[in-house]
């Protein structure tokens, strides 16, 4: 009796033996996985830059350096731009001349609105692109499952055509199909983790900037009430 050849189950062999539909699914999932890692690295670096900028301004305010200390913020930093918009509005209000009680309230309201609008713009800019991670995280498992179903259908067609249910004949086709599911999970799990970590970091950043804006409005209210400049 001749020994039955042991089927090969290396990833490359499984890919090469798959039909064109399953191969397309595998290639697409591999590209999606690389794409999610690239987006995650880019957004992580961007988040670090945002955190460094907000930390500089928080330190300036905590040390009592006031508005003047905000000039230490890195150039081009998002938080510095947000604060700069508010400070520009405050200086414009001071240049307009003495402010009554109603004028002070209107100036503070404009300052708060301007910083809120700037924060919305900066947060939207920071969030740009992370939707890719959510899409990959939600769609990749189903794409992999499609490849698995298609591969198993082909495996059963081969079994029916050969009229041979030996495990050595069935196993390679099923392994090729399941490999697509594995690739789907390999793309989806990191993308979902990246999305949750990055969105959580951006939410914390927005909260910190909102706190800074509230503190600046409070300080501006005190200065305007005392008749002092910024």
Protein backbone atom coordinates (compact mmCIF):
# COMPACT_ATOMS: atom_id res chain seq x y z
CA UNK A 1 0.00 0.00 0.00
CA UNK A 2 1.45 3.35 -1.03
CA UNK A 3 1.67 6.03 1.67
CA UNK A 4 -0.68 9.00 1.30
CA UNK A 5 1.17 12.23 0.59
CA UNK A 6 0.89 14.71 3.43
CA UNK A 7 -0.73 17.94 2.22
CA UNK A 8 1.26 21.14 2.66
CA UNK A 9 -0.30 23.83 4.84
CA UNK A 10 2.16 26.72 4.60
CA UNK A 11 0.58 30.15 4.12
CA UNK A 12 2.20 30.62 0.74
CA UNK A 13 1.02 27.21 -0.45
CA UNK A 14 -2.53 27.89 0.76
CA UNK A 15 -2.53 31.19 -1.10
CA UNK A 16 -1.15 29.70 -4.31
CA UNK A 17 -3.66 26.84 -4.29
CA UNK A 18 -6.69 29.09 -3.78
CA UNK A 19 -8.84 30.11 -6.74
CA UNK A 20 -8.88 33.68 -8.05
CA UNK A 21 -11.82 34.83 -5.92
CA UNK A 22 -10.25 33.68 -2.66
CA UNK A 23 -6.89 35.04 -3.79
CA UNK A 24 -8.51 38.43 -4.43
CA UNK A 25 -10.03 38.37 -0.95
CA UNK A 26 -6.67 37.48 0.61
CA UNK A 27 -4.83 40.22 -1.28
CA UNK A 28 -7.48 42.78 -0.40
CA UNK A 29 -7.33 41.88 3.28
CA UNK A 30 -3.53 42.03 3.29
CA UNK A 31 -3.64 45.49 1.71
CA UNK A 32 -6.29 46.59 4.24
CA UNK A 33 -4.12 45.38 7.10
CA UNK A 34 -1.08 47.32 5.88
CA UNK A 35 -3.27 50.38 5.27
CA UNK A 36 -4.66 50.26 8.82
CA UNK A 37 -1.16 50.08 10.30
CA UNK A 38 -0.02 53.04 8.17
CA UNK A 39 -3.02 55.14 9.24
CA UNK A 40 -2.55 54.13 12.88
CA UNK A 41 1.11 55.17 12.91
CA UNK A 42 0.33 58.50 11.23
CA UNK A 43 -2.51 59.28 13.64
CA UNK A 44 -0.49 58.20 16.65
CA UNK A 45 2.28 60.63 15.72
CA UNK A 46 -0.30 63.36 15.15
CA UNK A 47 -1.89 62.63 18.53
CA UNK A 48 1.49 62.84 20.24
CA UNK A 49 2.04 66.26 18.65
CA UNK A 50 -1.37 67.45 19.84
CA UNK A 51 -0.69 66.21 23.37
CA UNK A 52 2.70 67.94 23.47
CA UNK A 53 1.14 71.23 22.37
CA UNK A 54 -1.68 71.15 24.88
CA UNK A 55 0.76 70.20 27.64
CA UNK A 56 2.83 73.35 26.97
CA UNK A 57 -0.21 75.60 27.35
CA UNK A 58 -1.47 73.74 30.41
CA UNK A 59 1.94 74.23 32.03
CA UNK A 60 1.94 77.94 31.17
CA UNK A 61 -1.47 78.41 32.77
CA UNK A 62 -0.67 76.24 35.79
CA UNK A 63 2.49 78.22 36.50
CA UNK A 64 0.54 81.46 36.45
CA UNK A 65 2.42 82.84 33.46
CA UNK A 66 -0.86 83.92 31.97
CA UNK A 67 -1.39 84.75 28.35
CA UNK A 68 2.23 85.71 27.81
CA UNK A 69 3.34 82.15 28.52
CA UNK A 70 1.26 80.87 25.65
CA UNK A 71 3.87 82.19 23.25
CA UNK A 72 6.02 79.22 24.26
CA UNK A 73 3.66 76.85 22.43
CA UNK A 74 5.19 75.17 19.36
CA UNK A 75 4.63 77.03 16.13
CA UNK A 76 1.87 75.57 14.02
CA UNK A 77 0.45 73.67 16.97
CA UNK A 78 -3.32 73.10 16.90
CA UNK A 79 -3.86 74.16 20.51
CA UNK A 80 -1.84 77.33 19.99
CA UNK A 81 -4.02 78.20 17.00
CA UNK A 82 -7.19 77.67 19.03
CA UNK A 83 -5.94 79.82 21.90
CA UNK A 84 -4.55 82.41 19.49
CA UNK A 85 -7.99 82.92 17.97
CA UNK A 86 -9.44 83.62 21.40
CA UNK A 87 -6.64 85.97 22.35
CA UNK A 88 -7.01 87.88 19.07
CA UNK A 89 -10.71 88.37 19.78
CA UNK A 90 -9.92 89.56 23.30
CA UNK A 91 -7.33 92.07 22.06
CA UNK A 92 -9.80 93.35 19.47
CA UNK A 93 -12.36 93.92 22.21
CA UNK A 94 -9.78 95.83 24.29
CA UNK A 95 -8.79 98.02 21.36
CA UNK A 96 -12.42 98.97 20.80
CA UNK A 97 -12.28 101.08 23.96
CA UNK A 98 -13.90 100.91 27.41
CA UNK A 99 -16.46 98.15 27.71
CA UNK A 100 -19.59 98.26 29.77
CA UNK A 101 -21.04 95.22 31.49
CA UNK A 102 -22.95 94.22 28.37
CA UNK A 103 -19.90 94.81 26.19
CA UNK A 104 -17.78 92.55 28.37
CA UNK A 105 -20.35 89.77 28.15
CA UNK A 106 -20.53 90.08 24.36
CA UNK A 107 -16.73 90.08 24.06
CA UNK A 108 -16.43 86.97 26.21
CA UNK A 109 -19.19 85.27 24.25
CA UNK A 110 -17.43 86.04 20.95
CA UNK A 111 -14.14 84.82 22.37
CA UNK A 112 -15.74 81.56 23.51
CA UNK A 113 -17.50 81.03 20.18
CA UNK A 114 -14.34 81.70 18.17
CA UNK A 115 -12.30 79.22 20.21
CA UNK A 116 -15.11 76.66 19.99
CA UNK A 117 -15.22 76.97 16.22
CA UNK A 118 -11.42 76.67 16.00
CA UNK A 119 -11.52 73.57 18.21
CA UNK A 120 -14.16 72.03 15.93
CA UNK A 121 -11.97 72.66 12.89
CA UNK A 122 -8.85 71.26 14.52
CA UNK A 123 -10.60 68.17 15.86
CA UNK A 124 -12.16 67.51 12.45
CA UNK A 125 -8.71 67.78 10.89
CA UNK A 126 -7.27 65.36 13.45
CA UNK A 127 -10.09 62.86 12.91
CA UNK A 128 -9.66 62.88 9.15
CA UNK A 129 -8.72 59.39 7.97
CA UNK A 130 -9.56 57.37 11.08
CA UNK A 131 -12.84 56.29 9.48
CA UNK A 132 -10.69 53.90 7.45
CA UNK A 133 -9.86 52.04 10.65
CA UNK A 134 -13.53 51.73 11.59
CA UNK A 135 -14.39 50.50 8.10
CA UNK A 136 -11.63 47.90 8.07
CA UNK A 137 -12.46 46.79 11.59
CA UNK A 138 -16.12 46.21 10.76
CA UNK A 139 -15.88 44.95 7.17
CA UNK A 140 -12.74 42.77 7.17
CA UNK A 141 -14.26 39.81 9.11
CA UNK A 142 -17.19 39.63 6.68
CA UNK A 143 -14.92 39.87 3.66
CA UNK A 144 -12.81 37.06 5.10
CA UNK A 145 -15.98 35.06 5.78
CA UNK A 146 -17.03 35.53 2.16
CA UNK A 147 -13.67 34.11 1.05
CA UNK A 148 -14.14 31.20 3.45
CA UNK A 149 -17.62 30.38 2.19
CA UNK A 150 -16.47 30.59 -1.41
CA UNK A 151 -13.45 28.39 -0.69
CA UNK A 152 -15.52 25.75 1.11
CA UNK A 153 -17.98 25.68 -1.78
CA UNK A 154 -15.07 25.00 -4.12
CA UNK A 155 -13.76 22.32 -1.77
CA UNK A 156 -17.10 20.53 -1.78
CA UNK A 157 -17.28 20.77 -5.56
CA UNK A 158 -13.86 19.12 -5.73
CA UNK A 159 -14.98 16.37 -3.36
CA UNK A 160 -18.07 15.72 -5.45
CA UNK A 161 -16.06 15.67 -8.66
CA UNK A 162 -13.41 13.26 -7.31
CA UNK A 163 -15.90 11.20 -5.30
CA UNK A 164 -13.27 10.95 -2.58
CA UNK A 165 -13.96 11.98 1.01
CA UNK A 166 -10.48 11.15 2.30
CA UNK A 167 -9.30 13.76 4.81
CA UNK A 168 -6.13 14.29 2.80
CA UNK A 169 -8.30 15.39 -0.10
CA UNK A 170 -10.74 17.52 1.91
CA UNK A 171 -8.31 19.25 4.28
CA UNK A 172 -6.34 21.46 1.83
CA UNK A 173 -9.45 23.09 0.36
CA UNK A 174 -10.96 23.76 3.77
CA UNK A 175 -7.64 25.10 5.06
CA UNK A 176 -7.45 27.53 2.13
CA UNK A 177 -10.94 28.72 2.93
CA UNK A 178 -10.28 29.17 6.64
CA UNK A 179 -7.09 31.06 5.84
CA UNK A 180 -9.26 33.83 4.38
CA UNK A 181 -11.15 34.12 7.67
CA UNK A 182 -7.85 34.27 9.56
CA UNK A 183 -6.66 37.12 7.34
CA UNK A 184 -9.95 38.94 7.90
CA UNK A 185 -9.50 38.75 11.65
CA UNK A 186 -5.84 39.70 11.32
CA UNK A 187 -6.89 42.90 9.55
CA UNK A 188 -9.94 43.65 11.69
CA UNK A 189 -8.63 43.17 15.24
CA UNK A 190 -5.69 45.64 15.08
CA UNK A 191 -7.80 48.15 13.11
CA UNK A 192 -10.51 48.08 15.79
CA UNK A 193 -7.97 48.47 18.58
CA UNK A 194 -6.24 51.33 16.76
CA UNK A 195 -9.58 53.08 16.17
CA UNK A 196 -10.63 52.85 19.82
CA UNK A 197 -7.23 54.01 21.13
CA UNK A 198 -6.95 56.95 18.72
CA UNK A 199 -10.54 58.15 19.13
CA UNK A 200 -10.15 57.89 22.89
CA UNK A 201 -6.97 59.97 22.73
CA UNK A 202 -8.67 62.59 20.55
CA UNK A 203 -11.64 62.78 22.92
CA UNK A 204 -9.27 63.38 25.84
CA UNK A 205 -7.48 66.06 23.83
CA UNK A 206 -10.74 67.87 23.06
CA UNK A 207 -11.71 67.76 26.73
CA UNK A 208 -8.35 69.23 27.78
CA UNK A 209 -8.63 72.04 25.22
CA UNK A 210 -12.19 72.81 26.33
CA UNK A 211 -10.88 73.13 29.89
CA UNK A 212 -8.16 75.51 28.70
CA UNK A 213 -10.73 77.59 26.81
CA UNK A 214 -12.95 77.81 29.89
CA UNK A 215 -10.00 78.94 32.00
CA UNK A 216 -8.99 81.56 29.44
CA UNK A 217 -12.53 82.95 29.30
CA UNK A 218 -12.58 83.15 33.10
CA UNK A 219 -9.24 84.98 33.17
CA UNK A 220 -10.37 87.31 30.40
CA UNK A 221 -13.55 88.07 32.32
CA UNK A 222 -11.51 89.01 35.38
CA UNK A 223 -9.11 91.18 33.37
CA UNK A 224 -11.85 92.96 31.47
CA UNK A 225 -13.74 93.51 34.71
CA UNK A 226 -10.64 95.01 36.29
CA UNK A 227 -10.04 97.17 33.22
CA UNK A 228 -6.69 95.47 32.48
CA UNK A 229 -5.26 94.50 29.05
CA UNK A 230 -4.27 91.04 27.96
